[in-house]
Amino acid sequence: MKTVLVILTDGFEEIETVAPIDLLRRAGAQVTLASCTDSLEVTGKCAVVMKAEASIDDCLANDYDLLVLPGGPGTFDLRKDKRVLDLVRSRHATGLPQAAICAAPLILLDAGILTGKTYTAHFTCADELPELQEDLAVVEDGEIITSRGAGTAVAFGLRLVALLFGEEKANEIAASIHA
């Protein structure tokens, strides 16, 4: 079974979190939500509360086939969280895939793993990510997958399904949701 770790903190963007989780679970992935707060209940940008299954402290970087970092205002807290940065660096060192959407590619920047990579992010990140590909919904460069934001969350989720389960499975799920 393919396993996915999704990192949450207060202020996560709900669409960017739920859409990929939903699509990955439809494909058969075991998705674990990990909280970076003192509680397993994490509140999104629009006040949707999600309950994580684990604390980030209990999650080992290499125990998952994929790491997903949703965006939203909470990204700015995650950028300062040594546990998250260390997890991203550890996965990068072993070549394991990681995905970030909206402002979350800034976490990859802070972890020092975007050098020489092609990526996209929300246009408001252009000051810190001047080479972002604004015209692309999803960019995959080696083990790093990035996406622009809430409006591209389904395309992002389907790309993650394709990464873990193949294009045929992604196309099957896309057809089932009329994407």
C-alpha atoms as a PDB file:
ATOM      1  CA  MET A   1       0.000   0.000   0.000  1.00  0.00           C
ATOM      2  CA  LYS A   2       1.240   3.477  -0.883  1.00  0.00           C
ATOM      3  CA  THR A   3       1.543   5.845   2.075  1.00  0.00           C
ATOM      4  CA  VAL A   4       1.277   9.626   2.151  1.00  0.00           C
ATOM      5  CA  LEU A   5       2.049  12.105   4.925  1.00  0.00           C
ATOM      6  CA  VAL A   6       0.202  15.450   4.875  1.00  0.00           C
ATOM      7  CA  ILE A   7       1.549  18.139   7.205  1.00  0.00           C
ATOM      8  CA  LEU A   8      -1.005  20.444   8.849  1.00  0.00           C
ATOM      9  CA  THR A   9      -0.800  23.490  11.018  1.00  0.00           C
ATOM     10  CA  ASP A  10      -3.390  26.101  11.900  1.00  0.00           C
ATOM     11  CA  GLY A  11      -4.148  28.272   8.875  1.00  0.00           C
ATOM     12  CA  PHE A  12      -3.840  25.524   6.259  1.00  0.00           C
ATOM     13  CA  GLU A  13      -5.768  26.097   3.016  1.00  0.00           C
ATOM     14  CA  GLU A  14      -8.688  23.664   3.079  1.00  0.00           C
ATOM     15  CA  ILE A  15      -9.127  23.066  -0.672  1.00  0.00           C
ATOM     16  CA  GLU A  16      -5.410  22.443  -1.137  1.00  0.00           C
ATOM     17  CA  THR A  17      -5.539  19.900   1.665  1.00  0.00           C
ATOM     18  CA  VAL A  18      -8.813  18.058   1.165  1.00  0.00           C
ATOM     19  CA  ALA A  19      -8.772  17.706  -2.637  1.00  0.00           C
ATOM     20  CA  PRO A  20      -5.428  15.851  -2.800  1.00  0.00           C
ATOM     21  CA  ILE A  21      -6.291  13.739   0.264  1.00  0.00           C
ATOM     22  CA  ASP A  22      -9.621  12.746  -1.288  1.00  0.00           C
ATOM     23  CA  LEU A  23      -8.072  11.841  -4.648  1.00  0.00           C
ATOM     24  CA  LEU A  24      -5.201   9.911  -3.077  1.00  0.00           C
ATOM     25  CA  ARG A  25      -7.589   7.929  -0.873  1.00  0.00           C
ATOM     26  CA  ARG A  26      -9.818   7.169  -3.886  1.00  0.00           C
ATOM     27  CA  ALA A  27      -6.715   5.687  -5.513  1.00  0.00           C
ATOM     28  CA  GLY A  28      -6.051   3.513  -2.473  1.00  0.00           C
ATOM     29  CA  ALA A  29      -3.346   5.445  -0.637  1.00  0.00           C
ATOM     30  CA  GLN A  30      -3.101   5.371   3.125  1.00  0.00           C
ATOM     31  CA  VAL A  31      -2.983   9.077   3.983  1.00  0.00           C
ATOM     32  CA  THR A  32      -1.798  10.209   7.413  1.00  0.00           C
ATOM     33  CA  LEU A  33      -2.471  13.756   8.592  1.00  0.00           C
ATOM     34  CA  ALA A  34       0.229  15.036  10.933  1.00  0.00           C
ATOM     35  CA  SER A  35      -0.302  18.048  13.160  1.00  0.00           C
ATOM     36  CA  CYS A  36       2.462  20.529  13.877  1.00  0.00           C
ATOM     37  CA  THR A  37       0.396  22.092  16.665  1.00  0.00           C
ATOM     38  CA  ASP A  38      -0.055  20.989  20.276  1.00  0.00           C
ATOM     39  CA  SER A  39      -3.391  19.433  19.321  1.00  0.00           C
ATOM     40  CA  LEU A  40      -4.542  16.840  16.814  1.00  0.00           C
ATOM     41  CA  GLU A  41      -7.355  19.242  15.889  1.00  0.00           C
ATOM     42  CA  VAL A  42      -6.061  21.736  13.355  1.00  0.00           C
ATOM     43  CA  THR A  43      -8.053  24.743  12.143  1.00  0.00           C
ATOM     44  CA  GLY A  44      -7.856  25.813   8.515  1.00  0.00           C
ATOM     45  CA  LYS A  45      -7.842  29.290   7.025  1.00  0.00           C
ATOM     46  CA  CYS A  46     -11.650  29.253   6.637  1.00  0.00           C
ATOM     47  CA  ALA A  47     -12.291  27.734  10.100  1.00  0.00           C
ATOM     48  CA  VAL A  48     -12.701  24.117   8.933  1.00  0.00           C
ATOM     49  CA  VAL A  49     -11.322  21.874  11.666  1.00  0.00           C
ATOM     50  CA  MET A  50      -9.555  18.672  10.658  1.00  0.00           C
ATOM     51  CA  LYS A  51      -8.392  15.994  13.045  1.00  0.00           C
ATOM     52  CA  ALA A  52      -4.901  14.685  12.429  1.00  0.00           C
ATOM     53  CA  GLU A  53      -4.001  11.073  13.151  1.00  0.00           C
ATOM     54  CA  ALA A  54      -0.516  11.865  14.446  1.00  0.00           C
ATOM     55  CA  SER A  55       1.808  14.523  15.731  1.00  0.00           C
ATOM     56  CA  ILE A  56       4.647  15.529  13.439  1.00  0.00           C
ATOM     57  CA  ASP A  57       6.953  14.381  16.254  1.00  0.00           C
ATOM     58  CA  ASP A  58       5.808  10.788  15.691  1.00  0.00           C
ATOM     59  CA  CYS A  59       6.393  10.752  11.918  1.00  0.00           C
ATOM     60  CA  LEU A  60       9.645   9.620  10.379  1.00  0.00           C
ATOM     61  CA  ALA A  61      10.565  11.151   7.020  1.00  0.00           C
ATOM     62  CA  ASN A  62      11.302   7.914   5.211  1.00  0.00           C
ATOM     63  CA  ASP A  63       8.228   6.001   6.416  1.00  0.00           C
ATOM     64  CA  TYR A  64       6.034   7.486   3.656  1.00  0.00           C
ATOM     65  CA  ASP A  65       6.039   7.202  -0.114  1.00  0.00           C
ATOM     66  CA  LEU A  66       5.038  10.868  -0.496  1.00  0.00           C
ATOM     67  CA  LEU A  67       5.033  14.044   1.601  1.00  0.00           C
ATOM     68  CA  VAL A  68       2.373  16.701   0.860  1.00  0.00           C
ATOM     69  CA  LEU A  69       2.591  20.291   2.077  1.00  0.00           C
ATOM     70  CA  PRO A  70      -0.651  22.282   1.654  1.00  0.00           C
ATOM     71  CA  GLY A  71      -0.432  26.057   1.470  1.00  0.00           C
ATOM     72  CA  GLY A  72      -2.338  28.803   3.225  1.00  0.00           C
ATOM     73  CA  PRO A  73      -1.295  31.321   5.885  1.00  0.00           C
ATOM     74  CA  GLY A  74      -0.074  28.456   8.083  1.00  0.00           C
ATOM     75  CA  THR A  75       2.810  28.016   5.656  1.00  0.00           C
ATOM     76  CA  PHE A  76       4.605  30.891   7.320  1.00  0.00           C
ATOM     77  CA  ASP A  77       4.603  29.005  10.644  1.00  0.00           C
ATOM     78  CA  LEU A  78       5.795  25.816   8.955  1.00  0.00           C
ATOM     79  CA  ARG A  79       8.695  27.725   7.391  1.00  0.00           C
ATOM     80  CA  LYS A  80      10.015  28.328  10.908  1.00  0.00           C
ATOM     81  CA  ASP A  81       9.393  24.769  12.149  1.00  0.00           C
ATOM     82  CA  LYS A  82      12.712  22.910  12.349  1.00  0.00           C
ATOM     83  CA  ARG A  83      10.884  19.554  12.446  1.00  0.00           C
ATOM     84  CA  VAL A  84       9.280  20.207   9.060  1.00  0.00           C
ATOM     85  CA  LEU A  85      12.457  21.565   7.461  1.00  0.00           C
ATOM     86  CA  ASP A  86      14.470  18.590   8.744  1.00  0.00           C
ATOM     87  CA  LEU A  87      11.832  16.175   7.424  1.00  0.00           C
ATOM     88  CA  VAL A  88      11.929  17.816   3.970  1.00  0.00           C
ATOM     89  CA  ARG A  89      15.745  17.760   3.903  1.00  0.00           C
ATOM     90  CA  SER A  90      15.872  14.127   4.997  1.00  0.00           C
ATOM     91  CA  ARG A  91      13.434  13.061   2.275  1.00  0.00           C
ATOM     92  CA  HIS A  92      15.358  15.055  -0.312  1.00  0.00           C
ATOM     93  CA  ALA A  93      18.646  13.407   0.708  1.00  0.00           C
ATOM     94  CA  THR A  94      17.152   9.984  -0.039  1.00  0.00           C
ATOM     95  CA  GLY A  95      15.333  11.074  -3.218  1.00  0.00           C
ATOM     96  CA  LEU A  96      11.811  10.562  -1.860  1.00  0.00           C
ATOM     97  CA  PRO A  97       9.017  12.562  -3.511  1.00  0.00           C
ATOM     98  CA  GLN A  98       7.474  15.614  -1.907  1.00  0.00           C
ATOM     99  CA  ALA A  99       4.746  17.907  -3.092  1.00  0.00           C
ATOM    100  CA  ALA A 100       3.896  21.488  -2.189  1.00  0.00           C
ATOM    101  CA  ILE A 101       1.072  23.762  -3.317  1.00  0.00           C
ATOM    102  CA  CYS A 102       0.399  27.516  -3.189  1.00  0.00           C
ATOM    103  CA  ALA A 103       2.802  29.149  -0.695  1.00  0.00           C
ATOM    104  CA  ALA A 104       4.177  25.812   0.539  1.00  0.00           C
ATOM    105  CA  PRO A 105       7.017  25.724  -2.032  1.00  0.00           C
ATOM    106  CA  LEU A 106       8.525  28.414   0.229  1.00  0.00           C
ATOM    107  CA  ILE A 107       9.121  25.598   2.743  1.00  0.00           C
ATOM    108  CA  LEU A 108      11.082  23.739   0.066  1.00  0.00           C
ATOM    109  CA  LEU A 109      13.036  26.954  -0.573  1.00  0.00           C
ATOM    110  CA  ASP A 110      13.836  27.325   3.128  1.00  0.00           C
ATOM    111  CA  ALA A 111      14.920  23.684   3.260  1.00  0.00           C
ATOM    112  CA  GLY A 112      17.342  24.457   0.433  1.00  0.00           C
ATOM    113  CA  ILE A 113      16.024  21.911  -2.067  1.00  0.00           C
ATOM    114  CA  LEU A 114      14.713  24.097  -4.916  1.00  0.00           C
ATOM    115  CA  THR A 115      18.101  25.005  -6.372  1.00  0.00           C
ATOM    116  CA  GLY A 116      18.212  24.003 -10.018  1.00  0.00           C
ATOM    117  CA  LYS A 117      14.577  22.846  -9.987  1.00  0.00           C
ATOM    118  CA  THR A 118      11.640  23.994 -12.084  1.00  0.00           C
ATOM    119  CA  TYR A 119       8.617  24.790  -9.918  1.00  0.00           C
ATOM    120  CA  THR A 120       5.475  26.820  -9.517  1.00  0.00           C
ATOM    121  CA  ALA A 121       3.725  28.457  -6.572  1.00  0.00           C
ATOM    122  CA  HIS A 122       1.135  31.107  -5.819  1.00  0.00           C
ATOM    123  CA  PHE A 123       1.941  34.372  -7.617  1.00  0.00           C
ATOM    124  CA  THR A 124       2.257  36.179  -4.262  1.00  0.00           C
ATOM    125  CA  CYS A 125       5.442  34.167  -3.648  1.00  0.00           C
ATOM    126  CA  ALA A 126       7.202  35.592  -6.719  1.00  0.00           C
ATOM    127  CA  ASP A 127       9.388  37.943  -4.658  1.00  0.00           C
ATOM    128  CA  GLU A 128      11.001  34.965  -2.926  1.00  0.00           C
ATOM    129  CA  LEU A 129      10.569  32.540  -5.822  1.00  0.00           C
ATOM    130  CA  PRO A 130      11.352  34.715  -8.853  1.00  0.00           C
ATOM    131  CA  GLU A 131      11.787  31.695 -11.159  1.00  0.00           C
ATOM    132  CA  LEU A 132       8.356  30.204 -10.497  1.00  0.00           C
ATOM    133  CA  GLN A 133       6.452  29.079 -13.562  1.00  0.00           C
ATOM    134  CA  GLU A 134       3.277  31.199 -13.196  1.00  0.00           C
ATOM    135  CA  ASP A 135       1.575  29.790 -16.292  1.00  0.00           C
ATOM    136  CA  LEU A 136       1.730  26.126 -15.205  1.00  0.00           C
ATOM    137  CA  ALA A 137      -0.856  24.558 -12.877  1.00  0.00           C
ATOM    138  CA  VAL A 138       1.408  21.711 -11.765  1.00  0.00           C
ATOM    139  CA  VAL A 139       5.147  21.239 -12.227  1.00  0.00           C
ATOM    140  CA  GLU A 140       6.969  17.973 -11.636  1.00  0.00           C
ATOM    141  CA  ASP A 141      10.762  18.105 -11.567  1.00  0.00           C
ATOM    142  CA  GLY A 142      12.306  14.879 -10.353  1.00  0.00           C
ATOM    143  CA  GLU A 143      11.046  14.136  -6.868  1.00  0.00           C
ATOM    144  CA  ILE A 144       9.467  17.587  -6.382  1.00  0.00           C
ATOM    145  CA  ILE A 145       5.891  18.357  -7.440  1.00  0.00           C
ATOM    146  CA  THR A 146       4.522  21.886  -7.035  1.00  0.00           C
ATOM    147  CA  SER A 147       1.246  23.591  -7.841  1.00  0.00           C
ATOM    148  CA  ARG A 148      -0.118  27.150  -7.910  1.00  0.00           C
ATOM    149  CA  GLY A 149      -2.967  27.139  -5.421  1.00  0.00           C
ATOM    150  CA  ALA A 150      -6.529  26.293  -4.487  1.00  0.00           C
ATOM    151  CA  GLY A 151      -7.732  26.506  -8.087  1.00  0.00           C
ATOM    152  CA  THR A 152      -5.234  23.857  -9.156  1.00  0.00           C
ATOM    153  CA  ALA A 153      -5.764  21.491  -6.206  1.00  0.00           C
ATOM    154  CA  VAL A 154      -7.592  18.825  -8.250  1.00  0.00           C
ATOM    155  CA  ALA A 155      -4.939  18.823 -10.994  1.00  0.00           C
ATOM    156  CA  PHE A 156      -2.290  18.655  -8.242  1.00  0.00           C
ATOM    157  CA  GLY A 157      -4.045  15.740  -6.532  1.00  0.00           C
ATOM    158  CA  LEU A 158      -4.406  13.859  -9.810  1.00  0.00           C
ATOM    159  CA  ARG A 159      -0.692  14.363 -10.538  1.00  0.00           C
ATOM    160  CA  LEU A 160       0.084  12.858  -7.114  1.00  0.00           C
ATOM    161  CA  VAL A 161      -2.163   9.887  -7.903  1.00  0.00           C
ATOM    162  CA  ALA A 162      -0.301   9.421 -11.209  1.00  0.00           C
ATOM    163  CA  LEU A 163       3.028   9.573  -9.392  1.00  0.00           C
ATOM    164  CA  LEU A 164       2.074   6.836  -6.929  1.00  0.00           C
ATOM    165  CA  PHE A 165      -0.347   4.700  -8.947  1.00  0.00           C
ATOM    166  CA  GLY A 166       0.271   5.523 -12.624  1.00  0.00           C
ATOM    167  CA  GLU A 167      -1.437   7.564 -15.308  1.00  0.00           C
ATOM    168  CA  GLU A 168      -4.161   4.986 -15.913  1.00  0.00           C
ATOM    169  CA  LYS A 169      -5.368   5.226 -12.301  1.00  0.00           C
ATOM    170  CA  ALA A 170      -5.214   9.031 -12.403  1.00  0.00           C
ATOM    171  CA  ASN A 171      -7.231   9.070 -15.643  1.00  0.00           C
ATOM    172  CA  GLU A 172      -9.789   6.670 -14.151  1.00  0.00           C
ATOM    173  CA  ILE A 173     -10.278   8.897 -11.114  1.00  0.00           C
ATOM    174  CA  ALA A 174     -10.367  12.053 -13.251  1.00  0.00           C
ATOM    175  CA  ALA A 175     -13.129  10.529 -15.362  1.00  0.00           C
ATOM    176  CA  SER A 176     -15.096   9.489 -12.277  1.00  0.00           C
ATOM    177  CA  ILE A 177     -15.115  13.087 -10.959  1.00  0.00           C
ATOM    178  CA  HIS A 178     -15.536  14.700 -14.409  1.00  0.00           C
ATOM    179  CA  ALA A 179     -12.172  16.480 -14.172  1.00  0.00           C
END
